[in-house]
């Protein structure tokens, strides 16, 4: 039996070995692997007819993180497509977003990797 050497008797605390620190403090689905990136690039190549722009690295990375499917270009112009009412000051009006479907619904990924949900 291990004894507590730093506290006196009757003080609550663990008598076992200390836990090892956790290396990854994120959800397992957000771990970026080569296979996820390769799947995202293959999906982009497969659906290239739906794209009128070249997706940025940040868009491809977010698509891989969400395991997105069916990518298409989404024009970030309020006259053409729906945009949320609350937009940041530096919102890229007129740029092209990447619309994807994933397990949580549909999202539009901005050129800098951020995005918003269409649901």
N, C-alpha and C. Protein backbone atom coordinates (compact mmCIF):
# COMPACT_ATOMS: atom_id res chain seq x y z
N UNK A 1 0.84 -1.18 0.00
CA UNK A 1 0.00 0.00 0.00
C UNK A 1 0.88 1.24 0.00
N UNK A 2 0.56 2.17 -0.87
CA UNK A 2 1.32 3.41 -0.95
C UNK A 2 0.89 4.36 0.16
N UNK A 3 1.84 5.07 0.71
CA UNK A 3 1.53 6.02 1.77
C UNK A 3 1.65 7.43 1.23
N UNK A 4 0.79 8.30 1.76
CA UNK A 4 0.88 9.71 1.40
C UNK A 4 2.00 10.33 2.21
N UNK A 5 2.97 10.87 1.56
CA UNK A 5 4.11 11.44 2.29
C UNK A 5 3.99 12.94 2.48
N UNK A 6 3.11 13.60 1.73
CA UNK A 6 3.03 15.06 1.82
C UNK A 6 1.91 15.55 2.72
N UNK A 7 0.98 14.70 3.07
CA UNK A 7 -0.13 15.13 3.92
C UNK A 7 -0.20 14.24 5.14
N UNK A 8 -0.80 14.77 6.17
CA UNK A 8 -0.94 14.02 7.40
C UNK A 8 -2.06 13.01 7.31
N UNK A 9 -2.20 12.17 8.33
CA UNK A 9 -3.25 11.17 8.30
C UNK A 9 -4.63 11.82 8.39
N UNK A 10 -5.60 11.24 7.71
CA UNK A 10 -6.96 11.76 7.75
C UNK A 10 -7.26 12.83 6.72
N UNK A 11 -6.25 13.29 5.98
CA UNK A 11 -6.46 14.30 4.95
C UNK A 11 -6.81 13.57 3.67
N UNK A 12 -7.95 13.93 3.04
CA UNK A 12 -8.33 13.22 1.82
C UNK A 12 -7.34 13.49 0.69
N UNK A 13 -7.20 12.53 -0.14
CA UNK A 13 -6.32 12.68 -1.29
C UNK A 13 -6.05 11.34 -1.91
N UNK A 14 -5.43 11.34 -3.04
CA UNK A 14 -5.15 10.11 -3.75
C UNK A 14 -3.95 9.42 -3.14
N UNK A 15 -4.07 8.11 -2.97
CA UNK A 15 -2.92 7.34 -2.48
C UNK A 15 -2.23 6.60 -3.60
N UNK A 16 -2.77 6.70 -4.80
CA UNK A 16 -2.18 6.00 -5.93
C UNK A 16 -1.17 6.85 -6.66
N UNK A 17 -0.75 6.34 -7.77
CA UNK A 17 0.21 7.08 -8.60
C UNK A 17 -0.49 8.27 -9.26
N UNK A 18 0.25 9.35 -9.50
CA UNK A 18 -0.37 10.49 -10.18
C UNK A 18 -0.68 10.13 -11.64
N UNK A 19 -1.75 10.73 -12.16
CA UNK A 19 -2.13 10.46 -13.54
C UNK A 19 -1.16 11.12 -14.49
N UNK A 20 -0.95 10.45 -15.63
CA UNK A 20 -0.10 11.02 -16.66
C UNK A 20 -0.81 12.18 -17.32
N UNK A 21 -0.09 13.21 -17.70
CA UNK A 21 -0.76 14.32 -18.39
C UNK A 21 -1.29 13.88 -19.75
N UNK A 22 -2.43 14.42 -20.12
CA UNK A 22 -3.05 14.08 -21.40
C UNK A 22 -2.43 14.94 -22.48
N UNK A 23 -1.95 14.28 -23.53
CA UNK A 23 -1.29 15.02 -24.60
C UNK A 23 -2.29 15.77 -25.47
N UNK A 24 -3.42 15.16 -25.79
CA UNK A 24 -4.41 15.79 -26.66
C UNK A 24 -5.63 16.13 -25.84
N UNK A 25 -5.93 17.40 -25.70
CA UNK A 25 -7.10 17.85 -24.95
C UNK A 25 -8.23 18.25 -25.90
N UNK A 26 -8.37 17.58 -27.00
CA UNK A 26 -9.39 17.91 -27.98
C UNK A 26 -10.19 16.67 -28.32
N UNK A 27 -11.30 16.87 -28.99
CA UNK A 27 -12.13 15.75 -29.38
C UNK A 27 -11.40 14.90 -30.40
N UNK A 28 -11.60 13.59 -30.38
CA UNK A 28 -10.88 12.72 -31.31
C UNK A 28 -11.19 13.04 -32.76
N UNK A 29 -12.41 13.52 -33.06
CA UNK A 29 -12.72 13.79 -34.46
C UNK A 29 -12.00 15.02 -35.00
N UNK A 30 -11.41 15.84 -34.11
CA UNK A 30 -10.69 17.02 -34.58
C UNK A 30 -9.21 16.77 -34.76
N UNK A 31 -8.74 15.59 -34.50
CA UNK A 31 -7.33 15.29 -34.73
C UNK A 31 -7.08 15.24 -36.23
N UNK A 32 -6.17 16.08 -36.68
CA UNK A 32 -5.91 16.16 -38.10
C UNK A 32 -4.91 15.08 -38.49
N UNK A 33 -5.31 14.21 -39.39
CA UNK A 33 -4.45 13.16 -39.86
C UNK A 33 -4.27 13.30 -41.36
N UNK A 34 -3.28 12.64 -41.87
CA UNK A 34 -3.04 12.68 -43.32
C UNK A 34 -4.22 12.10 -44.08
N UNK A 35 -4.79 11.03 -43.55
CA UNK A 35 -5.89 10.39 -44.26
C UNK A 35 -7.10 11.32 -44.37
N UNK A 36 -7.36 12.11 -43.33
CA UNK A 36 -8.47 13.08 -43.41
C UNK A 36 -8.20 14.15 -44.46
N UNK A 37 -6.97 14.65 -44.49
CA UNK A 37 -6.62 15.66 -45.49
C UNK A 37 -6.70 15.08 -46.90
N UNK A 38 -6.21 13.86 -47.07
CA UNK A 38 -6.25 13.22 -48.39
C UNK A 38 -7.69 13.00 -48.83
N UNK A 39 -8.56 12.56 -47.90
CA UNK A 39 -9.97 12.38 -48.24
C UNK A 39 -10.62 13.68 -48.67
N UNK A 40 -10.27 14.78 -47.97
CA UNK A 40 -10.84 16.09 -48.32
C UNK A 40 -10.38 16.53 -49.71
N UNK A 41 -9.11 16.34 -50.02
CA UNK A 41 -8.60 16.72 -51.33
C UNK A 41 -9.23 15.87 -52.42
N UNK A 42 -9.38 14.57 -52.17
CA UNK A 42 -10.03 13.70 -53.16
C UNK A 42 -11.47 14.12 -53.38
N UNK A 43 -12.16 14.47 -52.31
CA UNK A 43 -13.55 14.94 -52.44
C UNK A 43 -13.61 16.24 -53.24
N UNK A 44 -12.66 17.14 -53.03
CA UNK A 44 -12.61 18.38 -53.81
C UNK A 44 -12.34 18.10 -55.29
N UNK A 45 -11.45 17.16 -55.57
CA UNK A 45 -11.17 16.82 -56.96
C UNK A 45 -12.37 16.15 -57.61
N UNK A 46 -13.08 15.33 -56.87
CA UNK A 46 -14.25 14.63 -57.39
C UNK A 46 -15.37 15.62 -57.73
N UNK A 47 -15.54 16.65 -56.92
CA UNK A 47 -16.62 17.62 -57.11
C UNK A 47 -16.11 18.93 -57.73
N UNK A 48 -15.07 18.88 -58.54
CA UNK A 48 -14.47 20.10 -59.07
C UNK A 48 -15.42 20.88 -59.97
N UNK A 49 -16.44 20.24 -60.52
CA UNK A 49 -17.39 20.95 -61.39
C UNK A 49 -18.26 21.93 -60.60
N UNK A 50 -18.43 21.65 -59.30
CA UNK A 50 -19.25 22.51 -58.45
C UNK A 50 -18.46 23.71 -57.91
N UNK A 51 -17.16 23.73 -58.14
CA UNK A 51 -16.30 24.79 -57.60
C UNK A 51 -15.90 25.75 -58.70
N UNK A 52 -16.06 27.03 -58.42
CA UNK A 52 -15.61 28.06 -59.36
C UNK A 52 -14.40 28.81 -58.80
N UNK A 53 -13.90 28.38 -57.66
CA UNK A 53 -12.72 28.99 -57.07
C UNK A 53 -11.81 27.89 -56.54
N UNK A 54 -10.58 28.26 -56.24
CA UNK A 54 -9.63 27.32 -55.64
C UNK A 54 -9.72 27.50 -54.13
N UNK A 55 -10.12 26.47 -53.39
CA UNK A 55 -10.23 26.60 -51.94
C UNK A 55 -8.88 26.90 -51.29
N UNK A 56 -8.91 27.69 -50.22
CA UNK A 56 -7.69 28.01 -49.49
C UNK A 56 -7.30 26.82 -48.61
N UNK A 57 -6.07 26.86 -48.09
CA UNK A 57 -5.61 25.80 -47.19
C UNK A 57 -6.50 25.72 -45.95
N UNK A 58 -6.90 26.87 -45.43
CA UNK A 58 -7.73 26.89 -44.23
C UNK A 58 -9.09 26.24 -44.50
N UNK A 59 -9.65 26.48 -45.67
CA UNK A 59 -10.93 25.86 -46.02
C UNK A 59 -10.79 24.34 -46.14
N UNK A 60 -9.71 23.89 -46.76
CA UNK A 60 -9.49 22.45 -46.91
C UNK A 60 -9.26 21.80 -45.55
N UNK A 61 -8.53 22.47 -44.69
CA UNK A 61 -8.27 21.94 -43.34
C UNK A 61 -9.57 21.83 -42.54
N UNK A 62 -10.43 22.85 -42.61
CA UNK A 62 -11.70 22.79 -41.89
C UNK A 62 -12.62 21.73 -42.49
N UNK A 63 -12.59 21.60 -43.80
CA UNK A 63 -13.39 20.56 -44.45
C UNK A 63 -12.94 19.18 -43.98
N UNK A 64 -11.64 18.99 -43.86
CA UNK A 64 -11.12 17.71 -43.37
C UNK A 64 -11.50 17.50 -41.91
N UNK A 65 -11.47 18.56 -41.11
CA UNK A 65 -11.84 18.44 -39.71
C UNK A 65 -13.29 18.06 -39.50
N UNK A 66 -14.17 18.61 -40.33
CA UNK A 66 -15.60 18.29 -40.25
C UNK A 66 -15.94 17.02 -41.01
N UNK A 67 -14.98 16.46 -41.73
CA UNK A 67 -15.22 15.34 -42.65
C UNK A 67 -16.34 15.72 -43.62
N UNK A 68 -16.18 16.88 -44.24
CA UNK A 68 -17.20 17.44 -45.12
C UNK A 68 -17.31 16.71 -46.44
N UNK A 69 -18.50 16.76 -46.99
CA UNK A 69 -18.80 16.14 -48.28
C UNK A 69 -19.51 17.17 -49.16
N UNK A 70 -19.61 16.88 -50.43
CA UNK A 70 -20.33 17.68 -51.43
C UNK A 70 -19.93 19.15 -51.38
N UNK A 71 -18.65 19.47 -51.61
CA UNK A 71 -18.25 20.88 -51.59
C UNK A 71 -18.75 21.63 -52.82
N UNK A 72 -19.09 22.89 -52.62
CA UNK A 72 -19.48 23.76 -53.72
C UNK A 72 -19.13 25.19 -53.35
N UNK A 73 -19.04 26.06 -54.35
CA UNK A 73 -18.72 27.45 -54.12
C UNK A 73 -19.96 28.19 -53.63
N UNK A 74 -19.78 29.05 -52.63
CA UNK A 74 -20.85 29.84 -52.05
C UNK A 74 -20.40 31.29 -52.07
N UNK A 75 -21.01 32.09 -52.93
CA UNK A 75 -20.63 33.50 -53.08
C UNK A 75 -21.04 34.26 -51.83
N UNK A 76 -20.09 34.96 -51.21
CA UNK A 76 -20.34 35.72 -49.98
C UNK A 76 -20.81 37.13 -50.31
N UNK A 77 -21.97 37.19 -50.93
CA UNK A 77 -22.58 38.45 -51.34
C UNK A 77 -24.05 38.41 -50.92
N UNK A 78 -24.53 39.37 -50.12
CA UNK A 78 -25.92 39.32 -49.67
C UNK A 78 -26.94 39.42 -50.80
N UNK A 79 -26.54 39.94 -51.95
CA UNK A 79 -27.46 40.03 -53.08
C UNK A 79 -27.63 38.68 -53.77
N UNK A 80 -26.68 37.78 -53.60
CA UNK A 80 -26.71 36.48 -54.28
C UNK A 80 -27.16 35.37 -53.34
N UNK A 81 -26.55 35.28 -52.15
CA UNK A 81 -26.82 34.20 -51.21
C UNK A 81 -27.15 34.76 -49.83
N UNK A 82 -27.76 33.91 -49.00
CA UNK A 82 -28.08 34.31 -47.64
C UNK A 82 -26.81 34.42 -46.81
N UNK A 83 -26.73 35.48 -46.00
CA UNK A 83 -25.64 35.67 -45.06
C UNK A 83 -26.23 35.98 -43.69
N UNK A 84 -25.57 35.61 -42.61
CA UNK A 84 -26.09 35.92 -41.28
C UNK A 84 -26.17 37.44 -41.08
N UNK A 85 -27.10 37.86 -40.21
CA UNK A 85 -27.27 39.29 -39.98
C UNK A 85 -26.09 39.90 -39.24
N UNK A 86 -25.52 39.18 -38.30
CA UNK A 86 -24.40 39.69 -37.51
C UNK A 86 -23.11 39.22 -38.16
N UNK A 87 -22.41 40.16 -38.78
CA UNK A 87 -21.14 39.85 -39.44
C UNK A 87 -20.03 40.70 -38.85
N UNK A 88 -18.81 40.18 -38.76
CA UNK A 88 -17.71 41.00 -38.25
C UNK A 88 -17.35 42.12 -39.22
N UNK A 89 -16.61 43.07 -38.71
CA UNK A 89 -16.24 44.24 -39.52
C UNK A 89 -15.38 43.83 -40.71
N UNK A 90 -14.49 42.87 -40.53
CA UNK A 90 -13.58 42.48 -41.61
C UNK A 90 -14.12 41.31 -42.44
N UNK A 91 -15.45 41.18 -42.53
CA UNK A 91 -16.04 40.09 -43.30
C UNK A 91 -15.71 40.26 -44.78
N UNK A 92 -15.29 39.18 -45.45
CA UNK A 92 -14.86 39.29 -46.85
C UNK A 92 -16.04 39.31 -47.84
N UNK A 93 -16.81 40.40 -47.87
CA UNK A 93 -17.92 40.49 -48.82
C UNK A 93 -17.41 40.36 -50.24
N UNK A 94 -18.10 39.59 -51.05
CA UNK A 94 -17.71 39.41 -52.45
C UNK A 94 -16.75 38.27 -52.68
N UNK A 95 -16.20 37.68 -51.63
CA UNK A 95 -15.27 36.56 -51.79
C UNK A 95 -16.08 35.27 -51.99
N UNK A 96 -15.37 34.18 -52.18
CA UNK A 96 -16.01 32.88 -52.35
C UNK A 96 -15.80 32.03 -51.11
N UNK A 97 -16.88 31.48 -50.60
CA UNK A 97 -16.82 30.54 -49.49
C UNK A 97 -16.95 29.12 -50.01
N UNK A 98 -16.69 28.17 -49.15
CA UNK A 98 -16.80 26.76 -49.50
C UNK A 98 -17.95 26.16 -48.72
N UNK A 99 -18.99 25.76 -49.42
CA UNK A 99 -20.16 25.16 -48.78
C UNK A 99 -19.97 23.65 -48.72
N UNK A 100 -20.15 23.09 -47.51
CA UNK A 100 -19.99 21.65 -47.34
C UNK A 100 -21.15 21.10 -46.52
N UNK A 101 -21.40 19.82 -46.67
CA UNK A 101 -22.33 19.12 -45.79
C UNK A 101 -21.51 18.17 -44.93
N UNK A 102 -21.94 18.02 -43.70
CA UNK A 102 -21.23 17.15 -42.76
C UNK A 102 -22.23 16.57 -41.78
N UNK A 103 -21.75 15.83 -40.81
CA UNK A 103 -22.63 15.13 -39.88
C UNK A 103 -23.50 16.08 -39.06
N UNK A 104 -23.09 17.33 -38.88
CA UNK A 104 -23.83 18.28 -38.06
C UNK A 104 -24.75 19.18 -38.88
N UNK A 105 -24.74 19.07 -40.19
CA UNK A 105 -25.58 19.90 -41.05
C UNK A 105 -24.80 20.45 -42.23
N UNK A 106 -25.12 21.70 -42.60
CA UNK A 106 -24.43 22.38 -43.70
C UNK A 106 -23.73 23.61 -43.17
N UNK A 107 -22.54 23.87 -43.69
CA UNK A 107 -21.76 25.03 -43.27
C UNK A 107 -21.12 25.68 -44.47
N UNK A 108 -20.80 26.97 -44.29
CA UNK A 108 -20.04 27.72 -45.28
C UNK A 108 -18.73 28.10 -44.62
N UNK A 109 -17.62 27.73 -45.24
CA UNK A 109 -16.30 28.02 -44.72
C UNK A 109 -15.74 29.25 -45.41
N UNK A 110 -15.31 30.23 -44.64
CA UNK A 110 -14.75 31.46 -45.18
C UNK A 110 -13.30 31.22 -45.61
N UNK A 111 -12.72 32.12 -46.40
CA UNK A 111 -11.34 31.91 -46.85
C UNK A 111 -10.32 31.79 -45.71
N UNK A 112 -10.59 32.40 -44.54
CA UNK A 112 -9.63 32.32 -43.44
C UNK A 112 -9.84 31.10 -42.55
N UNK A 113 -10.81 30.22 -42.88
CA UNK A 113 -11.04 29.00 -42.12
C UNK A 113 -12.21 29.09 -41.17
N UNK A 114 -12.68 30.27 -40.86
CA UNK A 114 -13.88 30.41 -40.02
C UNK A 114 -15.09 30.06 -40.87
N UNK A 115 -16.26 30.12 -40.29
CA UNK A 115 -17.43 29.81 -41.08
C UNK A 115 -18.71 30.02 -40.30
N UNK A 116 -19.82 29.68 -40.93
CA UNK A 116 -21.12 29.77 -40.28
C UNK A 116 -21.98 28.65 -40.80
N UNK A 117 -22.99 28.32 -39.99
CA UNK A 117 -23.87 27.22 -40.32
C UNK A 117 -25.06 27.72 -41.12
N UNK A 118 -25.54 26.90 -42.02
CA UNK A 118 -26.72 27.25 -42.82
C UNK A 118 -27.99 26.65 -42.23
N UNK A 119 -27.88 25.89 -41.15
CA UNK A 119 -29.06 25.27 -40.54
C UNK A 119 -29.75 26.22 -39.58
